[in-house]
Every structure is written in structure tokens, then in C-alpha cells.
Full PDB file with SEQRES, HELIX, SHEET, SSBOND, CRYST1, ORIGX, SCALE, CONECT and MASTER records, all heavy atoms in Angstrom:
SEQRES   1 A   30  SER SER PHE PRO ARG ALA ILE LEU LEU SER GLY ASN PHE          
SEQRES   2 A   30  ALA TYR ILE VAL ASP SER SER ASP GLU ASP MET ARG VAL          
SEQRES   3 A   30  ILE ASP ILE SER                                              
SHEET    1 AA1 3 PRO A   4  SER A  10  0                                        
SHEET    2 AA1 3 PHE A  13  ASP A  18 -1                                        
SHEET    3 AA1 3 ASP A  23  ASP A  28 -1                                        
CRYST1    1.000    1.000    1.000  90.00  90.00  90.00 P 1           1          
ORIGX1      1.000000  0.000000  0.000000        0.00000                         
ORIGX2      0.000000  1.000000  0.000000        0.00000                         
ORIGX3      0.000000  0.000000  1.000000        0.00000                         
SCALE1      1.000000  0.000000  0.000000        0.00000                         
SCALE2      0.000000  1.000000  0.000000        0.00000                         
SCALE3      0.000000  0.000000  1.000000        0.00000                         
ATOM      1  N   SER A   1      -2.359  11.162  15.952  1.00  0.00           N  
ATOM      2  CA  SER A   1      -3.447  12.127  15.998  1.00  0.00           C  
ATOM      3  C   SER A   1      -4.747  11.413  15.685  1.00  0.00           C  
ATOM      4  O   SER A   1      -4.758  10.216  15.405  1.00  0.00           O  
ATOM      5  CB  SER A   1      -3.190  13.257  14.996  1.00  0.00           C  
ATOM      6  OG  SER A   1      -2.866  12.725  13.735  1.00  0.00           O  
ATOM      7  N   SER A   2      -5.846  12.157  15.710  1.00  0.00           N  
ATOM      8  CA  SER A   2      -7.141  11.505  15.530  1.00  0.00           C  
ATOM      9  C   SER A   2      -7.611  11.480  14.081  1.00  0.00           C  
ATOM     10  O   SER A   2      -8.489  10.700  13.742  1.00  0.00           O  
ATOM     11  CB  SER A   2      -8.193  12.205  16.403  1.00  0.00           C  
ATOM     12  OG  SER A   2      -8.272  13.575  16.064  1.00  0.00           O  
ATOM     13  N   PHE A   3      -7.036  12.329  13.210  1.00  0.00           N  
ATOM     14  CA  PHE A   3      -7.465  12.307  11.806  1.00  0.00           C  
ATOM     15  C   PHE A   3      -6.323  12.786  10.909  1.00  0.00           C  
ATOM     16  O   PHE A   3      -6.401  13.844  10.281  1.00  0.00           O  
ATOM     17  CB  PHE A   3      -8.704  13.174  11.608  1.00  0.00           C  
ATOM     18  CG  PHE A   3      -9.548  12.749  10.434  1.00  0.00           C  
ATOM     19  CD1 PHE A   3     -10.399  11.656  10.539  1.00  0.00           C  
ATOM     20  CD2 PHE A   3      -9.487  13.432   9.228  1.00  0.00           C  
ATOM     21  CE1 PHE A   3     -11.194  11.266   9.461  1.00  0.00           C  
ATOM     22  CE2 PHE A   3     -10.267  13.049   8.147  1.00  0.00           C  
ATOM     23  CZ  PHE A   3     -11.122  11.955   8.265  1.00  0.00           C  
ATOM     24  N   PRO A   4      -5.249  12.013  10.820  1.00  0.00           N  
ATOM     25  CA  PRO A   4      -4.121  12.422   9.971  1.00  0.00           C  
ATOM     26  C   PRO A   4      -4.534  12.450   8.511  1.00  0.00           C  
ATOM     27  O   PRO A   4      -5.215  11.554   8.033  1.00  0.00           O  
ATOM     28  CB  PRO A   4      -3.069  11.341  10.249  1.00  0.00           C  
ATOM     29  CG  PRO A   4      -3.855  10.140  10.672  1.00  0.00           C  
ATOM     30  CD  PRO A   4      -5.032  10.675  11.416  1.00  0.00           C  
ATOM     31  N   ARG A   5      -4.085  13.489   7.782  1.00  0.00           N  
ATOM     32  CA  ARG A   5      -4.471  13.642   6.386  1.00  0.00           C  
ATOM     33  C   ARG A   5      -3.319  13.419   5.412  1.00  0.00           C  
ATOM     34  O   ARG A   5      -3.522  12.907   4.316  1.00  0.00           O  
ATOM     35  CB  ARG A   5      -5.047  15.048   6.156  1.00  0.00           C  
ATOM     36  CG  ARG A   5      -6.319  15.327   6.938  1.00  0.00           C  
ATOM     37  CD  ARG A   5      -7.458  14.427   6.496  1.00  0.00           C  
ATOM     38  NE  ARG A   5      -7.831  14.649   5.117  1.00  0.00           N  
ATOM     39  CZ  ARG A   5      -8.878  15.372   4.726  1.00  0.00           C  
ATOM     40  NH1 ARG A   5      -9.649  15.941   5.625  1.00  0.00           N  
ATOM     41  NH2 ARG A   5      -9.170  15.498   3.452  1.00  0.00           N  
ATOM     42  N   ALA A   6      -2.106  13.854   5.787  1.00  0.00           N  
ATOM     43  CA  ALA A   6      -0.995  13.783   4.840  1.00  0.00           C  
ATOM     44  C   ALA A   6       0.319  13.619   5.585  1.00  0.00           C  
ATOM     45  O   ALA A   6       0.470  14.070   6.725  1.00  0.00           O  
ATOM     46  CB  ALA A   6      -0.955  15.043   3.976  1.00  0.00           C  
ATOM     47  N   ILE A   7       1.270  12.978   4.905  1.00  0.00           N  
ATOM     48  CA  ILE A   7       2.608  12.779   5.464  1.00  0.00           C  
ATOM     49  C   ILE A   7       3.641  13.124   4.399  1.00  0.00           C  
ATOM     50  O   ILE A   7       3.452  12.857   3.212  1.00  0.00           O  
ATOM     51  CB  ILE A   7       2.806  11.323   5.958  1.00  0.00           C  
ATOM     52  CG1 ILE A   7       4.231  11.130   6.518  1.00  0.00           C  
ATOM     53  CG2 ILE A   7       2.531  10.322   4.851  1.00  0.00           C  
ATOM     54  CD1 ILE A   7       4.435   9.775   7.186  1.00  0.00           C  
ATOM     55  N   LEU A   8       4.743  13.716   4.844  1.00  0.00           N  
ATOM     56  CA  LEU A   8       5.862  14.046   3.962  1.00  0.00           C  
ATOM     57  C   LEU A   8       7.149  13.804   4.730  1.00  0.00           C  
ATOM     58  O   LEU A   8       7.242  14.130   5.923  1.00  0.00           O  
ATOM     59  CB  LEU A   8       5.769  15.503   3.514  1.00  0.00           C  
ATOM     60  CG  LEU A   8       6.742  15.971   2.441  1.00  0.00           C  
ATOM     61  CD1 LEU A   8       6.551  15.175   1.156  1.00  0.00           C  
ATOM     62  CD2 LEU A   8       6.550  17.452   2.165  1.00  0.00           C  
ATOM     63  N   LEU A   9       8.142  13.208   4.067  1.00  0.00           N  
ATOM     64  CA  LEU A   9       9.425  12.926   4.700  1.00  0.00           C  
ATOM     65  C   LEU A   9      10.458  13.948   4.257  1.00  0.00           C  
ATOM     66  O   LEU A   9      10.508  14.351   3.093  1.00  0.00           O  
ATOM     67  CB  LEU A   9       9.912  11.524   4.325  1.00  0.00           C  
ATOM     68  CG  LEU A   9       8.951  10.356   4.567  1.00  0.00           C  
ATOM     69  CD1 LEU A   9       9.639   9.036   4.195  1.00  0.00           C  
ATOM     70  CD2 LEU A   9       8.471  10.315   6.007  1.00  0.00           C  
ATOM     71  N   SER A  10      11.323  14.347   5.192  1.00  0.00           N  
ATOM     72  CA  SER A  10      12.453  15.217   4.884  1.00  0.00           C  
ATOM     73  C   SER A  10      13.565  14.889   5.866  1.00  0.00           C  
ATOM     74  O   SER A  10      13.399  15.041   7.084  1.00  0.00           O  
ATOM     75  CB  SER A  10      12.063  16.694   4.993  1.00  0.00           C  
ATOM     76  OG  SER A  10      13.163  17.526   4.668  1.00  0.00           O  
ATOM     77  N   GLY A  11      14.696  14.402   5.327  1.00  0.00           N  
ATOM     78  CA  GLY A  11      15.779  13.981   6.206  1.00  0.00           C  
ATOM     79  C   GLY A  11      15.336  12.826   7.074  1.00  0.00           C  
ATOM     80  O   GLY A  11      14.719  11.871   6.602  1.00  0.00           O  
ATOM     81  N   ASN A  12      15.607  12.918   8.364  1.00  0.00           N  
ATOM     82  CA  ASN A  12      15.245  11.858   9.315  1.00  0.00           C  
ATOM     83  C   ASN A  12      13.923  12.133  10.016  1.00  0.00           C  
ATOM     84  O   ASN A  12      13.674  11.599  11.109  1.00  0.00           O  
ATOM     85  CB  ASN A  12      16.348  11.678  10.361  1.00  0.00           C  
ATOM     86  CG  ASN A  12      17.582  11.021   9.788  1.00  0.00           C  
ATOM     87  OD1 ASN A  12      17.489  10.136   8.938  1.00  0.00           O  
ATOM     88  ND2 ASN A  12      18.751  11.450  10.232  1.00  0.00           N  
ATOM     89  N   PHE A  13      13.068  12.951   9.388  1.00  0.00           N  
ATOM     90  CA  PHE A  13      11.822  13.325  10.049  1.00  0.00           C  
ATOM     91  C   PHE A  13      10.625  13.151   9.109  1.00  0.00           C  
ATOM     92  O   PHE A  13      10.741  13.323   7.895  1.00  0.00           O  
ATOM     93  CB  PHE A  13      11.887  14.772  10.551  1.00  0.00           C  
ATOM     94  CG  PHE A  13      12.926  14.986  11.614  1.00  0.00           C  
ATOM     95  CD1 PHE A  13      14.224  15.342  11.275  1.00  0.00           C  
ATOM     96  CD2 PHE A  13      12.614  14.791  12.953  1.00  0.00           C  
ATOM     97  CE1 PHE A  13      15.194  15.518  12.255  1.00  0.00           C  
ATOM     98  CE2 PHE A  13      13.578  14.955  13.939  1.00  0.00           C  
ATOM     99  CZ  PHE A  13      14.867  15.325  13.584  1.00  0.00           C  
ATOM    100  N   ALA A  14       9.499  12.781   9.730  1.00  0.00           N  
ATOM    101  CA  ALA A  14       8.223  12.708   9.026  1.00  0.00           C  
ATOM    102  C   ALA A  14       7.354  13.851   9.535  1.00  0.00           C  
ATOM    103  O   ALA A  14       7.273  14.102  10.746  1.00  0.00           O  
ATOM    104  CB  ALA A  14       7.534  11.370   9.294  1.00  0.00           C  
ATOM    105  N   TYR A  15       6.724  14.551   8.595  1.00  0.00           N  
ATOM    106  CA  TYR A  15       5.852  15.678   8.936  1.00  0.00           C  
ATOM    107  C   TYR A  15       4.422  15.287   8.594  1.00  0.00           C  
ATOM    108  O   TYR A  15       4.121  14.942   7.449  1.00  0.00           O  
ATOM    109  CB  TYR A  15       6.289  16.931   8.181  1.00  0.00           C  
ATOM    110  CG  TYR A  15       7.679  17.378   8.558  1.00  0.00           C  
ATOM    111  CD1 TYR A  15       8.801  16.797   7.965  1.00  0.00           C  
ATOM    112  CD2 TYR A  15       7.877  18.352   9.534  1.00  0.00           C  
ATOM    113  CE1 TYR A  15      10.086  17.184   8.335  1.00  0.00           C  
ATOM    114  CE2 TYR A  15       9.156  18.751   9.905  1.00  0.00           C  
ATOM    115  CZ  TYR A  15      10.264  18.160   9.297  1.00  0.00           C  
ATOM    116  OH  TYR A  15      11.532  18.534   9.669  1.00  0.00           O  
ATOM    117  N   ILE A  16       3.541  15.328   9.596  1.00  0.00           N  
ATOM    118  CA  ILE A  16       2.170  14.832   9.451  1.00  0.00           C  
ATOM    119  C   ILE A  16       1.203  15.953   9.810  1.00  0.00           C  
ATOM    120  O   ILE A  16       1.333  16.581  10.871  1.00  0.00           O  
ATOM    121  CB  ILE A  16       1.923  13.613  10.361  1.00  0.00           C  
ATOM    122  CG1 ILE A  16       2.882  12.471   9.981  1.00  0.00           C  
ATOM    123  CG2 ILE A  16       0.471  13.150  10.267  1.00  0.00           C  
ATOM    124  CD1 ILE A  16       2.887  11.337  10.987  1.00  0.00           C  
ATOM    125  N   VAL A  17       0.217  16.203   8.918  1.00  0.00           N  
ATOM    126  CA  VAL A  17      -0.804  17.191   9.242  1.00  0.00           C  
ATOM    127  C   VAL A  17      -2.103  16.463   9.574  1.00  0.00           C  
ATOM    128  O   VAL A  17      -2.440  15.453   8.959  1.00  0.00           O  
ATOM    129  CB  VAL A  17      -1.025  18.199   8.095  1.00  0.00           C  
ATOM    130  CG1 VAL A  17       0.196  19.085   7.932  1.00  0.00           C  
ATOM    131  CG2 VAL A  17      -1.356  17.511   6.786  1.00  0.00           C  
ATOM    132  N   ASP A  18      -2.807  17.001  10.560  1.00  0.00           N  
ATOM    133  CA  ASP A  18      -4.021  16.366  11.073  1.00  0.00           C  
ATOM    134  C   ASP A  18      -5.153  17.388  11.084  1.00  0.00           C  
ATOM    135  O   ASP A  18      -5.023  18.463  11.671  1.00  0.00           O  
ATOM    136  CB  ASP A  18      -3.781  15.829  12.480  1.00  0.00           C  
ATOM    137  CG  ASP A  18      -4.983  15.087  13.017  1.00  0.00           C  
ATOM    138  OD1 ASP A  18      -5.897  15.737  13.568  1.00  0.00           O  
ATOM    139  OD2 ASP A  18      -5.030  13.856  12.886  1.00  0.00           O  
ATOM    140  N   SER A  19      -6.266  17.054  10.422  1.00  0.00           N  
ATOM    141  CA  SER A  19      -7.366  18.006  10.295  1.00  0.00           C  
ATOM    142  C   SER A  19      -8.250  18.055  11.532  1.00  0.00           C  
ATOM    143  O   SER A  19      -8.974  19.032  11.727  1.00  0.00           O  
ATOM    144  CB  SER A  19      -8.217  17.677   9.065  1.00  0.00           C  
ATOM    145  OG  SER A  19      -8.761  16.381   9.168  1.00  0.00           O  
ATOM    146  N   SER A  20      -8.219  17.034  12.380  1.00  0.00           N  
ATOM    147  CA  SER A  20      -9.035  17.036  13.588  1.00  0.00           C  
ATOM    148  C   SER A  20      -8.315  17.750  14.732  1.00  0.00           C  
ATOM    149  O   SER A  20      -8.875  18.629  15.390  1.00  0.00           O  
ATOM    150  CB  SER A  20      -9.376  15.603  14.010  1.00  0.00           C  
ATOM    151  OG  SER A  20     -10.132  15.601  15.197  1.00  0.00           O  
ATOM    152  N   ASP A  21      -7.053  17.374  14.952  1.00  0.00           N  
ATOM    153  CA  ASP A  21      -6.271  18.038  16.003  1.00  0.00           C  
ATOM    154  C   ASP A  21      -5.718  19.383  15.554  1.00  0.00           C  
ATOM    155  O   ASP A  21      -5.122  20.110  16.347  1.00  0.00           O  
ATOM    156  CB  ASP A  21      -5.119  17.136  16.438  1.00  0.00           C  
ATOM    157  CG  ASP A  21      -5.604  15.941  17.244  1.00  0.00           C  
ATOM    158  OD1 ASP A  21      -6.817  15.881  17.523  1.00  0.00           O  
ATOM    159  OD2 ASP A  21      -4.788  15.074  17.579  1.00  0.00           O  
ATOM    160  N   GLU A  22      -5.888  19.680  14.260  1.00  0.00           N  
ATOM    161  CA  GLU A  22      -5.498  20.978  13.691  1.00  0.00           C  
ATOM    162  C   GLU A  22      -4.034  21.297  13.982  1.00  0.00           C  
ATOM    163  O   GLU A  22      -3.685  22.377  14.460  1.00  0.00           O  
ATOM    164  CB  GLU A  22      -6.405  22.086  14.238  1.00  0.00           C  
ATOM    165  CG  GLU A  22      -7.873  21.841  13.917  1.00  0.00           C  
ATOM    166  CD  GLU A  22      -8.803  22.793  14.649  1.00  0.00           C  
ATOM    167  OE1 GLU A  22      -8.302  23.610  15.445  1.00  0.00           O  
ATOM    168  OE2 GLU A  22     -10.022  22.707  14.444  1.00  0.00           O  
ATOM    169  N   ASP A  23      -3.158  20.332  13.641  1.00  0.00           N  
ATOM    170  CA  ASP A  23      -1.748  20.551  13.925  1.00  0.00           C  
ATOM    171  C   ASP A  23      -0.848  19.862  12.905  1.00  0.00           C  
ATOM    172  O   ASP A  23      -1.312  19.119  12.028  1.00  0.00           O  
ATOM    173  CB  ASP A  23      -1.396  20.071  15.341  1.00  0.00           C  
ATOM    174  CG  ASP A  23      -1.559  18.567  15.538  1.00  0.00           C  
ATOM    175  OD1 ASP A  23      -1.875  17.848  14.554  1.00  0.00           O  
ATOM    176  OD2 ASP A  23      -1.369  18.088  16.673  1.00  0.00           O  
ATOM    177  N   MET A  24       0.441  20.140  13.016  1.00  0.00           N  
ATOM    178  CA  MET A  24       1.470  19.416  12.289  1.00  0.00           C  
ATOM    179  C   MET A  24       2.373  18.765  13.322  1.00  0.00           C  
ATOM    180  O   MET A  24       2.850  19.420  14.251  1.00  0.00           O  
ATOM    181  CB  MET A  24       2.310  20.352  11.411  1.00  0.00           C  
ATOM    182  CG  MET A  24       3.420  19.623  10.636  1.00  0.00           C  
ATOM    183  SD  MET A  24       4.526  20.745   9.729  1.00  0.00           S  
ATOM    184  CE  MET A  24       5.573  21.349  11.085  1.00  0.00           C  
ATOM    185  N   ARG A  25       2.585  17.453  13.160  1.00  0.00           N  
ATOM    186  CA  ARG A  25       3.454  16.734  14.078  1.00  0.00           C  
ATOM    187  C   ARG A  25       4.736  16.333  13.368  1.00  0.00           C  
ATOM    188  O   ARG A  25       4.719  15.962  12.192  1.00  0.00           O  
ATOM    189  CB  ARG A  25       2.747  15.506  14.629  1.00  0.00           C  
ATOM    190  CG  ARG A  25       1.455  15.888  15.326  1.00  0.00           C  
ATOM    191  CD  ARG A  25       0.942  14.868  16.275  1.00  0.00           C  
ATOM    192  NE  ARG A  25      -0.274  15.379  16.893  1.00  0.00           N  
ATOM    193  CZ  ARG A  25      -0.829  14.853  17.984  1.00  0.00           C  
ATOM    194  NH1 ARG A  25      -0.278  13.806  18.558  1.00  0.00           N  
ATOM    195  NH2 ARG A  25      -1.923  15.374  18.488  1.00  0.00           N  
ATOM    196  N   VAL A  26       5.836  16.433  14.096  1.00  0.00           N  
ATOM    197  CA  VAL A  26       7.145  16.081  13.562  1.00  0.00           C  
ATOM    198  C   VAL A  26       7.610  14.809  14.266  1.00  0.00           C  
ATOM    199  O   VAL A  26       7.732  14.780  15.495  1.00  0.00           O  
ATOM    200  CB  VAL A  26       8.163  17.212  13.787  1.00  0.00           C  
ATOM    201  CG1 VAL A  26       9.493  16.861  13.109  1.00  0.00           C  
ATOM    202  CG2 VAL A  26       7.619  18.540  13.269  1.00  0.00           C  
ATOM    203  N   ILE A  27       7.849  13.756  13.463  1.00  0.00           N  
ATOM    204  CA  ILE A  27       8.227  12.456  14.010  1.00  0.00           C  
ATOM    205  C   ILE A  27       9.662  12.128  13.599  1.00  0.00           C  
ATOM    206  O   ILE A  27       9.997  12.175  12.408  1.00  0.00           O  
ATOM    207  CB  ILE A  27       7.289  11.341  13.496  1.00  0.00           C  
ATOM    208  CG1 ILE A  27       5.817  11.721  13.712  1.00  0.00           C  
ATOM    209  CG2 ILE A  27       7.618  10.019  14.179  1.00  0.00           C  
ATOM    210  CD1 ILE A  27       5.417  11.892  15.143  1.00  0.00           C  
ATOM    211  N   ASP A  28      10.491  11.808  14.576  1.00  0.00           N  
ATOM    212  CA  ASP A  28      11.863  11.385  14.302  1.00  0.00           C  
ATOM    213  C   ASP A  28      11.836   9.926  13.844  1.00  0.00           C  
ATOM    214  O   ASP A  28      11.419   9.038  14.589  1.00  0.00           O  
ATOM    215  CB  ASP A  28      12.706  11.530  15.572  1.00  0.00           C  
ATOM    216  CG  ASP A  28      14.183  11.246  15.330  1.00  0.00           C  
ATOM    217  OD1 ASP A  28      14.520  10.466  14.415  1.00  0.00           O  
ATOM    218  OD2 ASP A  28      15.019  11.785  16.078  1.00  0.00           O  
ATOM    219  N   ILE A  29      12.266   9.681  12.600  1.00  0.00           N  
ATOM    220  CA  ILE A  29      12.259   8.318  12.056  1.00  0.00           C  
ATOM    221  C   ILE A  29      13.681   7.832  11.775  1.00  0.00           C  
ATOM    222  O   ILE A  29      13.889   6.946  10.956  1.00  0.00           O  
ATOM    223  CB  ILE A  29      11.424   8.252  10.756  1.00  0.00           C  
ATOM    224  CG1 ILE A  29      11.939   9.253   9.720  1.00  0.00           C  
ATOM    225  CG2 ILE A  29       9.949   8.483  11.057  1.00  0.00           C  
ATOM    226  CD1 ILE A  29      11.315   9.094   8.347  1.00  0.00           C  
ATOM    227  N   SER A  30      14.659   8.413  12.481  1.00  0.00           N  
ATOM    228  CA  SER A  30      16.038   7.970  12.293  1.00  0.00           C  
ATOM    229  C   SER A  30      16.177   6.491  12.627  1.00  0.00           C  
ATOM    230  O   SER A  30      17.003   5.786  12.046  1.00  0.00           O  
ATOM    231  CB  SER A  30      16.996   8.806  13.145  1.00  0.00           C  
ATOM    232  OG  SER A  30      16.603   8.816  14.512  1.00  0.00           O  
TER     233      SER A  30                                                      
MASTER        0    0    0    0    3    0    0    6  232    1    0    3          
END                                                                             
């Protein structure tokens, strides 16, 4: 994203919130 603010891991996934794109992205980190 263009302005990620925070990341949190849960299981095999990373959850990232972005204040510019105004979204939450889910990344598979298995």
C-alpha cells in the first residue's frame, strides 16, 4: 500500500492497515 501504519500477525497471515489506501490487507506468510 502507499502508507502502511500497522501490522499484526495471526496464524499464517499478516494484517496490515493503511491510512492512505484506507484499507486492511491480508497477507499469506505461510
